[in-house]
Amino acid sequence: MPSYAVLGATGATGKNVLKLLAKNPENNINVYVRSKSKLLSQVPDIESNKRIHVFSGNLSDTALMSSCLENTDAVFATVASNDNMPGTHVAQDTAHSVVVALMDLRMRDLQIKIPTIIWLSSASLNQKFHDHIPKAAHWILMTANSYVYQDLMHAQDYLKLHEKWLSAVYVQPGALVEDKQHGHYLSTEKEGPFLSYADLAAGMIEIAETGGYDWKGVAVVPATNKTAIEWKVPLVLARNMTWHFAPWLYWLTKSLRLH
């Protein structure tokens, strides 16, 4: 029976990955979250599912992370943020925690099967995927998500240092929106327009099940033009760009509980 670990299951991507995995009665699923109560409030059905095991704790808890990853076939690393928080390092923390936990398992048993890391990244970090985008538009995307992308790049560089014994796939979608599944396909050549989190989750699961993408950037592309267009995207970009040029405004608005 396939066994998977989902990191960041209370986020939009992780929650959809968990729901899709849970539909298959053959799957065993380990879920790592900071707050079990938050997870159960979002996906209450999992509490009675004996195939789903929840591990609740901080990313720094190596022993707990090792237990979560042990005997799994793939790890869905979906810990992410849409806020351009100055100095964010959640991706780096996740990468460090996963690598240390897998090192711990490997030291205990050199013959152990190391799970593939299905790492949530961004099409903006893959030149092949953004070559068709006007330079001005790409500059806006990179600037509006500067802290998030810097964190992602450092995390991916760290993972790459361990490529001799690790296997990872960088899943690099375009703009993401809340919508149902409309169908998807995988590509190492191009990314597409708006993609639903549900389709992204299905694509990530397909990557884990089919394999063959080690250390590649893979886009999950919408198969139809039915995905809803998220009209608030320009507002989010404007907000995030403001935080890039005036990082103090992020902390001010956060202290005022405006986000």
Protein backbone atom coordinates (compact mmCIF):
# COMPACT_ATOMS: atom_id res chain seq x y z
CA MET A 1 0.00 0.00 0.00
CA PRO A 2 1.36 3.45 -0.92
CA SER A 3 2.36 5.65 1.99
CA TYR A 4 2.71 9.42 1.85
CA ALA A 5 3.56 12.33 4.12
CA VAL A 6 1.93 15.74 3.72
CA LEU A 7 3.67 18.76 5.25
CA GLY A 8 1.60 21.92 5.61
CA ALA A 9 -1.83 20.32 5.31
CA THR A 10 -3.68 23.38 6.64
CA GLY A 11 -2.60 25.46 3.64
CA ALA A 12 -4.56 25.58 0.38
CA THR A 13 -2.27 23.19 -1.51
CA GLY A 14 -1.64 20.74 1.33
CA LYS A 15 -5.31 20.55 2.23
CA ASN A 16 -6.23 19.62 -1.35
CA VAL A 17 -3.42 17.05 -1.53
CA LEU A 18 -4.69 15.47 1.69
CA LYS A 19 -8.30 15.35 0.51
CA LEU A 20 -7.38 13.72 -2.80
CA LEU A 21 -5.06 11.18 -1.19
CA ALA A 22 -7.75 10.29 1.34
CA LYS A 23 -10.16 9.34 -1.45
CA ASN A 24 -8.00 6.35 -2.29
CA PRO A 25 -8.60 3.58 0.30
CA GLU A 26 -5.18 2.10 -0.55
CA ASN A 27 -3.24 5.14 0.70
CA ASN A 28 -1.69 5.48 4.14
CA ILE A 29 -1.14 9.15 4.97
CA ASN A 30 1.01 10.88 7.59
CA VAL A 31 0.18 14.54 8.11
CA TYR A 32 2.55 17.05 9.75
CA VAL A 33 1.01 20.29 11.03
CA ARG A 34 1.64 22.86 13.70
CA SER A 35 -1.96 22.78 14.91
CA LYS A 36 -4.00 19.58 14.92
CA SER A 37 -7.12 21.46 16.00
CA LYS A 38 -6.86 23.78 13.00
CA LEU A 39 -6.47 20.81 10.67
CA LEU A 40 -9.51 19.04 12.13
CA SER A 41 -11.59 22.22 11.84
CA GLN A 42 -10.76 22.33 8.12
CA VAL A 43 -10.94 18.59 7.34
CA PRO A 44 -13.04 17.01 10.15
CA ASP A 45 -13.56 13.73 8.29
CA ILE A 46 -9.96 12.65 8.79
CA GLU A 47 -10.34 12.20 12.54
CA SER A 48 -12.15 8.89 12.06
CA ASN A 49 -9.94 7.74 9.19
CA LYS A 50 -7.58 5.07 10.50
CA ARG A 51 -5.31 5.42 7.46
CA ILE A 52 -4.47 9.03 8.36
CA HIS A 53 -2.02 9.75 11.17
CA VAL A 54 -1.54 13.32 12.36
CA PHE A 55 1.80 14.56 13.73
CA SER A 56 1.49 17.92 15.43
CA GLY A 57 4.55 19.98 16.32
CA ASN A 58 7.16 22.49 15.25
CA LEU A 59 9.35 22.03 12.20
CA SER A 60 12.36 21.91 14.51
CA ASP A 61 11.19 18.66 16.13
CA THR A 62 13.51 16.25 14.29
CA ALA A 63 12.31 13.13 16.11
CA LEU A 64 8.68 13.85 15.28
CA MET A 65 9.50 14.68 11.66
CA SER A 66 11.48 11.44 11.35
CA SER A 67 8.49 9.47 12.63
CA CYS A 68 6.23 11.23 10.12
CA LEU A 69 8.51 10.51 7.14
CA GLU A 70 9.49 6.96 8.06
CA ASN A 71 8.36 4.26 5.59
CA THR A 72 6.77 6.75 3.21
CA ASP A 73 7.10 6.69 -0.59
CA ALA A 74 6.85 10.46 -1.12
CA VAL A 75 6.77 13.64 0.92
CA PHE A 76 4.52 16.48 -0.23
CA ALA A 77 6.26 19.63 1.02
CA THR A 78 3.52 22.24 0.64
CA VAL A 79 4.48 24.64 3.42
CA ALA A 80 4.17 28.04 1.75
CA SER A 81 2.88 31.60 2.07
CA ASN A 82 1.27 34.11 -0.30
CA ASP A 83 2.39 37.01 1.91
CA ASN A 84 5.67 38.66 0.98
CA MET A 85 6.83 38.71 4.59
CA PRO A 86 10.24 40.37 5.03
CA GLY A 87 12.84 37.85 6.15
CA THR A 88 10.58 34.83 5.75
CA HIS A 89 12.42 31.51 6.04
CA VAL A 90 9.63 28.92 6.26
CA ALA A 91 10.80 27.14 3.09
CA GLN A 92 14.36 26.94 4.40
CA ASP A 93 13.12 25.69 7.77
CA THR A 94 11.08 23.00 6.01
CA ALA A 95 13.99 21.91 3.82
CA HIS A 96 16.36 21.72 6.79
CA SER A 97 13.86 19.79 8.89
CA VAL A 98 13.12 17.25 6.14
CA VAL A 99 16.80 16.68 5.29
CA VAL A 100 17.84 16.27 8.93
CA ALA A 101 14.94 13.88 9.57
CA LEU A 102 15.82 11.77 6.52
CA MET A 103 19.50 11.78 7.56
CA ASP A 104 18.41 10.48 10.95
CA LEU A 105 16.44 7.63 9.34
CA ARG A 106 19.36 6.83 7.01
CA MET A 107 21.84 6.68 9.86
CA ARG A 108 19.63 4.14 11.60
CA ASP A 109 19.34 2.01 8.47
CA LEU A 110 21.58 2.60 5.45
CA GLN A 111 19.33 0.35 3.35
CA ILE A 112 16.20 2.36 4.07
CA LYS A 113 14.21 3.64 1.10
CA ILE A 114 14.34 7.44 1.04
CA PRO A 115 11.03 9.02 -0.04
CA THR A 116 10.91 11.43 -2.97
CA ILE A 117 10.38 15.04 -1.93
CA ILE A 118 7.60 16.66 -3.99
CA TRP A 119 8.55 20.27 -3.37
CA LEU A 120 6.10 23.13 -4.01
CA SER A 121 7.97 25.88 -5.86
CA SER A 122 6.99 28.51 -8.46
CA ALA A 123 7.12 28.86 -12.24
CA SER A 124 8.67 32.29 -11.70
CA LEU A 125 11.89 30.56 -10.61
CA ASN A 126 12.23 28.52 -13.81
CA GLN A 127 13.52 30.52 -16.78
CA LYS A 128 12.08 28.03 -19.24
CA PHE A 129 8.62 28.63 -17.80
CA HIS A 130 8.71 32.42 -17.78
CA ASP A 131 10.57 33.12 -21.04
CA HIS A 132 7.27 33.94 -22.78
CA ILE A 133 6.29 36.50 -20.14
CA PRO A 134 7.16 40.16 -20.84
CA LYS A 135 10.18 41.24 -18.80
CA ALA A 136 8.18 43.96 -17.07
CA ALA A 137 5.54 41.46 -15.94
CA HIS A 138 8.19 39.06 -14.68
CA TRP A 139 9.88 41.88 -12.79
CA ILE A 140 6.57 42.69 -11.09
CA LEU A 141 6.11 39.04 -10.06
CA MET A 142 9.66 38.73 -8.75
CA THR A 143 9.47 42.01 -6.85
CA ALA A 144 6.03 41.41 -5.36
CA ASN A 145 7.18 38.01 -4.09
CA SER A 146 10.81 38.88 -3.44
CA TYR A 147 11.09 37.56 0.11
CA VAL A 148 9.07 34.41 -0.65
CA TYR A 149 11.13 33.60 -3.74
CA GLN A 150 14.43 34.32 -2.02
CA ASP A 151 13.43 31.88 0.71
CA LEU A 152 12.42 29.28 -1.89
CA MET A 153 15.67 29.64 -3.84
CA HIS A 154 17.78 29.20 -0.70
CA ALA A 155 15.72 26.16 0.29
CA GLN A 156 16.08 24.57 -3.15
CA ASP A 157 19.82 25.24 -3.20
CA TYR A 158 20.05 23.49 0.16
CA LEU A 159 18.11 20.45 -1.09
CA LYS A 160 20.35 20.29 -4.17
CA LEU A 161 23.39 19.92 -1.92
CA HIS A 162 22.07 16.47 -1.01
CA GLU A 163 21.22 15.22 -4.50
CA LYS A 164 23.63 12.26 -4.21
CA TRP A 165 21.30 10.52 -1.78
CA LEU A 166 18.05 12.48 -2.03
CA SER A 167 15.40 12.59 -4.72
CA ALA A 168 13.32 15.74 -5.19
CA VAL A 169 10.97 17.27 -7.76
CA TYR A 170 10.27 21.00 -7.95
CA VAL A 171 6.59 21.52 -8.75
CA GLN A 172 6.39 24.97 -10.36
CA PRO A 173 2.86 26.17 -11.11
CA GLY A 174 1.76 29.58 -12.36
CA ALA A 175 -0.91 31.68 -10.64
CA LEU A 176 -3.03 29.70 -8.19
CA VAL A 177 -6.71 30.20 -7.39
CA GLU A 178 -9.42 28.59 -5.28
CA ASP A 179 -11.54 26.50 -7.63
CA LYS A 180 -12.55 22.89 -8.26
CA GLN A 181 -10.68 20.41 -10.43
CA HIS A 182 -11.00 21.01 -14.16
CA GLY A 183 -8.21 18.73 -15.37
CA HIS A 184 -4.47 19.13 -15.74
CA TYR A 185 -1.36 17.83 -17.45
CA LEU A 186 2.31 17.89 -16.53
CA SER A 187 5.00 19.73 -18.50
CA THR A 188 8.73 20.35 -18.21
CA GLU A 189 8.56 22.89 -21.04
CA LYS A 190 5.87 25.41 -20.16
CA GLU A 191 3.50 26.60 -17.47
CA GLY A 192 -0.06 27.75 -17.97
CA PRO A 193 -2.45 30.48 -16.82
CA PHE A 194 -4.58 30.32 -13.69
CA LEU A 195 -4.52 26.89 -12.04
CA SER A 196 -6.76 25.70 -9.22
CA TYR A 197 -5.24 24.40 -6.01
CA ALA A 198 -7.25 21.21 -6.58
CA ASP A 199 -5.64 20.66 -9.99
CA LEU A 200 -2.22 21.46 -8.54
CA ALA A 201 -2.77 18.82 -5.85
CA ALA A 202 -3.81 16.26 -8.46
CA GLY A 203 -0.68 17.05 -10.47
CA MET A 204 1.59 16.67 -7.46
CA ILE A 205 0.06 13.29 -6.68
CA GLU A 206 0.52 12.21 -10.31
CA ILE A 207 4.21 13.15 -10.09
CA ALA A 208 4.60 11.04 -6.95
CA GLU A 209 2.79 8.06 -8.48
CA THR A 210 4.48 8.06 -11.89
CA GLY A 211 8.03 9.15 -10.96
CA GLY A 212 10.68 10.01 -13.53
CA TYR A 213 11.07 13.70 -12.67
CA ASP A 214 14.03 13.62 -10.26
CA TRP A 215 15.54 17.07 -9.77
CA LYS A 216 13.43 18.56 -12.55
CA GLY A 217 11.12 21.55 -12.53
CA VAL A 218 7.63 20.39 -13.45
CA ALA A 219 4.66 22.62 -14.20
CA VAL A 220 1.10 21.53 -13.55
CA VAL A 221 -0.83 23.07 -16.44
CA PRO A 222 -4.63 23.50 -16.64
CA ALA A 223 -6.09 21.26 -19.34
CA THR A 224 -9.04 23.60 -19.95
CA ASN A 225 -9.81 27.31 -19.82
CA LYS A 226 -12.57 26.79 -17.26
CA THR A 227 -10.51 27.73 -14.19
CA ALA A 228 -11.85 30.82 -12.46
CA ILE A 229 -9.84 34.01 -12.83
CA GLU A 230 -8.87 35.49 -9.48
CA TRP A 231 -9.51 39.19 -9.91
CA LYS A 232 -7.91 40.08 -6.58
CA VAL A 233 -4.47 38.99 -7.83
CA PRO A 234 -3.49 42.56 -8.88
CA LEU A 235 -4.40 43.80 -5.39
CA VAL A 236 -2.29 41.08 -3.76
CA LEU A 237 0.64 41.93 -6.05
CA ALA A 238 0.33 45.62 -5.20
CA ARG A 239 0.22 44.87 -1.47
CA ASN A 240 3.20 42.52 -1.66
CA MET A 241 5.20 44.99 -3.73
CA THR A 242 4.55 47.67 -1.11
CA TRP A 243 6.05 45.34 1.50
CA HIS A 244 9.09 44.81 -0.75
CA PHE A 245 9.88 48.51 -0.92
CA ALA A 246 8.67 49.38 2.59
CA PRO A 247 9.08 46.24 4.72
CA TRP A 248 8.20 48.16 7.87
CA LEU A 249 4.65 48.48 6.52
CA TYR A 250 4.26 44.71 6.71
CA TRP A 251 4.97 44.70 10.43
CA LEU A 252 2.80 47.78 11.00
CA THR A 253 -0.22 46.29 9.23
CA LYS A 254 0.36 42.97 11.00
CA SER A 255 0.46 44.68 14.39
CA LEU A 256 -2.84 46.34 13.50
CA ARG A 257 -4.21 42.91 12.52
CA LEU A 258 -4.94 44.03 8.99
CA HIS A 259 -3.71 40.70 7.59
